[in-house]
Amino acid sequence: MVAVSDRQWSDVLGVLKVQGTTLDRAYLREWARDLGLAALLCRAVEEAGLPTAGESA
């Protein structure tokens, strides 16, 4: 698992909460997968309260 500081995690969640509906989620998933961060992205999306099942964006 990648170490993430509390500040970094808070920033990520903040961006997801504010911009979540406008983010290109497919692009984020692609890069997260390529960088070995897919599980971390999934966790962030869930903690931000964004839909995860059947993602279309």
C-alpha atoms as a PDB file:
ATOM      1  CA  MET A   1       0.000   0.000   0.000  1.00  0.00           C
ATOM      2  CA  VAL A   2       1.217   3.484  -0.836  1.00  0.00           C
ATOM      3  CA  ALA A   3       1.815   5.788   2.118  1.00  0.00           C
ATOM      4  CA  VAL A   4      -0.289   8.934   1.950  1.00  0.00           C
ATOM      5  CA  SER A   5      -0.049  11.811   4.393  1.00  0.00           C
ATOM      6  CA  ASP A   6      -3.199  13.035   6.114  1.00  0.00           C
ATOM      7  CA  ARG A   7      -2.865  16.339   4.273  1.00  0.00           C
ATOM      8  CA  GLN A   8      -2.578  14.656   0.865  1.00  0.00           C
ATOM      9  CA  TRP A   9      -5.560  12.413   1.604  1.00  0.00           C
ATOM     10  CA  SER A  10      -7.636  15.379   2.758  1.00  0.00           C
ATOM     11  CA  ASP A  11      -6.736  17.237  -0.453  1.00  0.00           C
ATOM     12  CA  VAL A  12      -7.695  14.265  -2.637  1.00  0.00           C
ATOM     13  CA  LEU A  13     -11.040  13.860  -0.878  1.00  0.00           C
ATOM     14  CA  GLY A  14     -11.685  17.588  -1.164  1.00  0.00           C
ATOM     15  CA  VAL A  15     -11.094  17.577  -4.916  1.00  0.00           C
ATOM     16  CA  LEU A  16     -13.310  14.512  -5.369  1.00  0.00           C
ATOM     17  CA  LYS A  17     -16.126  16.020  -3.307  1.00  0.00           C
ATOM     18  CA  VAL A  18     -16.057  19.368  -5.110  1.00  0.00           C
ATOM     19  CA  GLN A  19     -15.241  18.229  -8.656  1.00  0.00           C
ATOM     20  CA  GLY A  20     -16.455  14.634  -8.537  1.00  0.00           C
ATOM     21  CA  THR A  21     -19.218  14.962 -11.104  1.00  0.00           C
ATOM     22  CA  THR A  22     -17.000  16.777 -13.608  1.00  0.00           C
ATOM     23  CA  LEU A  23     -13.890  14.593 -13.358  1.00  0.00           C
ATOM     24  CA  ASP A  24     -13.068  12.178 -16.157  1.00  0.00           C
ATOM     25  CA  ARG A  25     -13.326   9.075 -14.002  1.00  0.00           C
ATOM     26  CA  ALA A  26     -12.292   6.715 -16.803  1.00  0.00           C
ATOM     27  CA  TYR A  27      -9.072   8.700 -17.250  1.00  0.00           C
ATOM     28  CA  LEU A  28      -8.411   8.630 -13.511  1.00  0.00           C
ATOM     29  CA  ARG A  29      -9.039   4.872 -13.357  1.00  0.00           C
ATOM     30  CA  GLU A  30      -6.699   4.283 -16.314  1.00  0.00           C
ATOM     31  CA  TRP A  31      -3.826   6.210 -14.727  1.00  0.00           C
ATOM     32  CA  ALA A  32      -4.489   4.779 -11.282  1.00  0.00           C
ATOM     33  CA  ARG A  33      -4.293   1.276 -12.763  1.00  0.00           C
ATOM     34  CA  ASP A  34      -1.100   2.084 -14.694  1.00  0.00           C
ATOM     35  CA  LEU A  35       0.529   3.541 -11.568  1.00  0.00           C
ATOM     36  CA  GLY A  36      -0.603   0.722  -9.281  1.00  0.00           C
ATOM     37  CA  LEU A  37      -2.984   3.006  -7.378  1.00  0.00           C
ATOM     38  CA  ALA A  38      -6.349   1.559  -8.394  1.00  0.00           C
ATOM     39  CA  ALA A  39      -7.235   0.394  -4.872  1.00  0.00           C
ATOM     40  CA  LEU A  40      -6.307   3.790  -3.462  1.00  0.00           C
ATOM     41  CA  LEU A  41      -8.500   5.562  -6.018  1.00  0.00           C
ATOM     42  CA  CYS A  42     -11.409   3.255  -5.215  1.00  0.00           C
ATOM     43  CA  ARG A  43     -10.968   3.962  -1.515  1.00  0.00           C
ATOM     44  CA  ALA A  44     -10.866   7.721  -2.141  1.00  0.00           C
ATOM     45  CA  VAL A  45     -13.986   7.621  -4.318  1.00  0.00           C
ATOM     46  CA  GLU A  46     -15.855   5.649  -1.658  1.00  0.00           C
ATOM     47  CA  GLU A  47     -14.714   7.936   1.183  1.00  0.00           C
ATOM     48  CA  ALA A  48     -15.701  11.001  -0.838  1.00  0.00           C
ATOM     49  CA  GLY A  49     -19.206   9.554  -1.119  1.00  0.00           C
ATOM     50  CA  LEU A  50     -19.202   9.272  -4.894  1.00  0.00           C
ATOM     51  CA  PRO A  51     -21.000   6.437  -6.705  1.00  0.00           C
ATOM     52  CA  THR A  52     -18.751   3.497  -7.487  1.00  0.00           C
ATOM     53  CA  ALA A  53     -21.021   0.825  -8.939  1.00  0.00           C
ATOM     54  CA  GLY A  54     -21.615   1.040 -12.668  1.00  0.00           C
ATOM     55  CA  GLU A  55     -19.452   4.108 -13.102  1.00  0.00           C
ATOM     56  CA  SER A  56     -20.157   5.704 -16.420  1.00  0.00           C
ATOM     57  CA  ALA A  57     -17.960   8.795 -16.213  1.00  0.00           C
END
